[in-house]
Amino acid sequence: MTNKERYHLSQVAMLGCIICGNIPEIHHVRHGMGLGQRNSNFNVIPLCHVHHRTGGFGVAFHAGKKTWQENFGTELELLDKVNEKLRLAA
C-alpha cells in the first residue's frame, strides 16, 4: 500500500460511517468487480460494523446487498457522497 492510499483511507475513516456516523470499517466498492477481486483503495466507503457485516438482512451490506442498497443507496451513490465530503473537507 502506498502512502497516498494510506492517507486516503485515513481520511475516509475520519468521516465515520456514511450511514450513521459511528466508527467505520473500510468497505471496498464491489460494483463492476468479479468474484475474488478487490477494488482500488480509492474506491471505498466507510461503514460501521453493523452496516457493513453484522446488522443482519437489510441492515448489513454483506447480509443482503440488494435490500441494503434499496434502504441506503447504491455503492456508487455512497462513493460519490464520500468523495464530495472529502472535497469539502480539503
C-alpha atoms as a PDB file:
ATOM      1  CA  MET A   1       0.000   0.000   0.000  1.00  0.00           C
ATOM      2  CA  THR A   2       1.325   3.420  -0.932  1.00  0.00           C
ATOM      3  CA  ASN A   3       1.478   6.455   1.360  1.00  0.00           C
ATOM      4  CA  LYS A   4      -1.163   8.120  -0.808  1.00  0.00           C
ATOM      5  CA  GLU A   5      -3.506   5.144  -0.329  1.00  0.00           C
ATOM      6  CA  ARG A   6      -2.869   5.107   3.440  1.00  0.00           C
ATOM      7  CA  TYR A   7      -3.638   8.819   3.649  1.00  0.00           C
ATOM      8  CA  HIS A   8      -6.846   8.429   1.626  1.00  0.00           C
ATOM      9  CA  LEU A   9      -8.047   5.524   3.777  1.00  0.00           C
ATOM     10  CA  SER A  10      -7.369   7.505   6.957  1.00  0.00           C
ATOM     11  CA  GLN A  11      -9.338  10.477   5.600  1.00  0.00           C
ATOM     12  CA  VAL A  12     -12.254   8.212   4.671  1.00  0.00           C
ATOM     13  CA  ALA A  13     -12.211   6.604   8.128  1.00  0.00           C
ATOM     14  CA  MET A  14     -12.308  10.033   9.779  1.00  0.00           C
ATOM     15  CA  LEU A  15     -15.691  10.669   8.120  1.00  0.00           C
ATOM     16  CA  GLY A  16     -17.342   7.946  10.198  1.00  0.00           C
ATOM     17  CA  CYS A  17     -19.925   5.515   8.846  1.00  0.00           C
ATOM     18  CA  ILE A  18     -21.536   7.148   5.807  1.00  0.00           C
ATOM     19  CA  ILE A  19     -24.936   5.964   7.071  1.00  0.00           C
ATOM     20  CA  CYS A  20     -24.905   6.548  10.842  1.00  0.00           C
ATOM     21  CA  GLY A  21     -21.614   8.310  11.683  1.00  0.00           C
ATOM     22  CA  ASN A  22     -20.278   5.596  14.013  1.00  0.00           C
ATOM     23  CA  ILE A  23     -16.703   4.296  13.945  1.00  0.00           C
ATOM     24  CA  PRO A  24     -16.230   2.744  10.498  1.00  0.00           C
ATOM     25  CA  GLU A  25     -14.629  -0.182   8.803  1.00  0.00           C
ATOM     26  CA  ILE A  26     -13.465   0.350   5.231  1.00  0.00           C
ATOM     27  CA  HIS A  27     -15.696  -1.251   2.592  1.00  0.00           C
ATOM     28  CA  HIS A  28     -14.210  -1.665  -0.892  1.00  0.00           C
ATOM     29  CA  VAL A  29     -16.863  -0.921  -3.512  1.00  0.00           C
ATOM     30  CA  ARG A  30     -17.733  -4.136  -5.356  1.00  0.00           C
ATOM     31  CA  HIS A  31     -19.581  -2.573  -8.312  1.00  0.00           C
ATOM     32  CA  GLY A  32     -18.115  -3.900 -11.562  1.00  0.00           C
ATOM     33  CA  MET A  33     -15.730  -6.316  -9.855  1.00  0.00           C
ATOM     34  CA  GLY A  34     -15.596 -10.056 -10.406  1.00  0.00           C
ATOM     35  CA  LEU A  35     -15.580 -12.700  -7.708  1.00  0.00           C
ATOM     36  CA  GLY A  36     -12.419 -12.653  -5.654  1.00  0.00           C
ATOM     37  CA  GLN A  37     -11.379  -9.246  -6.983  1.00  0.00           C
ATOM     38  CA  ARG A  38     -10.868  -6.236  -4.754  1.00  0.00           C
ATOM     39  CA  ASN A  39     -11.320  -2.676  -5.918  1.00  0.00           C
ATOM     40  CA  SER A  40      -8.776   0.106  -5.540  1.00  0.00           C
ATOM     41  CA  ASN A  41      -8.105   1.600  -2.109  1.00  0.00           C
ATOM     42  CA  PHE A  42      -9.510   4.820  -3.560  1.00  0.00           C
ATOM     43  CA  ASN A  43     -12.936   3.252  -4.210  1.00  0.00           C
ATOM     44  CA  VAL A  44     -14.009   2.749  -0.611  1.00  0.00           C
ATOM     45  CA  ILE A  45     -16.828   3.812   1.658  1.00  0.00           C
ATOM     46  CA  PRO A  46     -16.793   3.949   5.465  1.00  0.00           C
ATOM     47  CA  LEU A  47     -19.348   1.637   7.088  1.00  0.00           C
ATOM     48  CA  CYS A  48     -19.676   0.748  10.772  1.00  0.00           C
ATOM     49  CA  HIS A  49     -19.610  -2.963  11.577  1.00  0.00           C
ATOM     50  CA  VAL A  50     -23.428  -3.028  11.775  1.00  0.00           C
ATOM     51  CA  HIS A  51     -23.951  -1.533   8.313  1.00  0.00           C
ATOM     52  CA  HIS A  52     -21.014  -3.488   6.883  1.00  0.00           C
ATOM     53  CA  ARG A  53     -21.198  -7.029   8.304  1.00  0.00           C
ATOM     54  CA  THR A  54     -23.196  -7.689  11.462  1.00  0.00           C
ATOM     55  CA  GLY A  55     -26.555  -5.892  11.193  1.00  0.00           C
ATOM     56  CA  GLY A  56     -28.463  -8.676   9.508  1.00  0.00           C
ATOM     57  CA  PHE A  57     -30.596  -8.678   6.368  1.00  0.00           C
ATOM     58  CA  GLY A  58     -31.379  -5.195   5.072  1.00  0.00           C
ATOM     59  CA  VAL A  59     -29.065  -3.537   7.597  1.00  0.00           C
ATOM     60  CA  ALA A  60     -25.642  -5.053   6.812  1.00  0.00           C
ATOM     61  CA  PHE A  61     -24.279  -4.812   3.273  1.00  0.00           C
ATOM     62  CA  HIS A  62     -22.921  -8.351   3.303  1.00  0.00           C
ATOM     63  CA  ALA A  63     -26.221  -9.798   4.587  1.00  0.00           C
ATOM     64  CA  GLY A  64     -28.259  -8.699   1.575  1.00  0.00           C
ATOM     65  CA  LYS A  65     -26.797  -6.273  -0.958  1.00  0.00           C
ATOM     66  CA  LYS A  66     -29.960  -5.607  -2.975  1.00  0.00           C
ATOM     67  CA  THR A  67     -32.153  -4.778   0.025  1.00  0.00           C
ATOM     68  CA  TRP A  68     -29.322  -2.820   1.648  1.00  0.00           C
ATOM     69  CA  GLN A  69     -28.952  -0.663  -1.464  1.00  0.00           C
ATOM     70  CA  GLU A  70     -32.725  -0.092  -1.586  1.00  0.00           C
ATOM     71  CA  ASN A  71     -32.543   1.133   2.018  1.00  0.00           C
ATOM     72  CA  PHE A  72     -29.359   3.216   1.892  1.00  0.00           C
ATOM     73  CA  GLY A  73     -28.356   3.823  -1.748  1.00  0.00           C
ATOM     74  CA  THR A  74     -26.026   2.118  -4.174  1.00  0.00           C
ATOM     75  CA  GLU A  75     -22.329   1.742  -3.558  1.00  0.00           C
ATOM     76  CA  LEU A  76     -21.642   4.254  -6.340  1.00  0.00           C
ATOM     77  CA  GLU A  77     -24.088   6.793  -4.882  1.00  0.00           C
ATOM     78  CA  LEU A  78     -22.436   6.468  -1.483  1.00  0.00           C
ATOM     79  CA  LEU A  79     -18.954   6.634  -3.034  1.00  0.00           C
ATOM     80  CA  ASP A  80     -19.955   9.933  -4.668  1.00  0.00           C
ATOM     81  CA  LYS A  81     -21.180  11.173  -1.281  1.00  0.00           C
ATOM     82  CA  VAL A  82     -17.880  10.168   0.366  1.00  0.00           C
ATOM     83  CA  ASN A  83     -15.821  11.880  -2.340  1.00  0.00           C
ATOM     84  CA  GLU A  84     -17.914  15.055  -2.015  1.00  0.00           C
ATOM     85  CA  LYS A  85     -17.379  15.112   1.760  1.00  0.00           C
ATOM     86  CA  LEU A  86     -13.630  14.663   1.225  1.00  0.00           C
ATOM     87  CA  ARG A  87     -13.576  17.535  -1.291  1.00  0.00           C
ATOM     88  CA  LEU A  88     -15.437  19.815   1.129  1.00  0.00           C
ATOM     89  CA  ALA A  89     -13.063  18.903   3.971  1.00  0.00           C
ATOM     90  CA  ALA A  90      -9.933  19.625   1.905  1.00  0.00           C
END
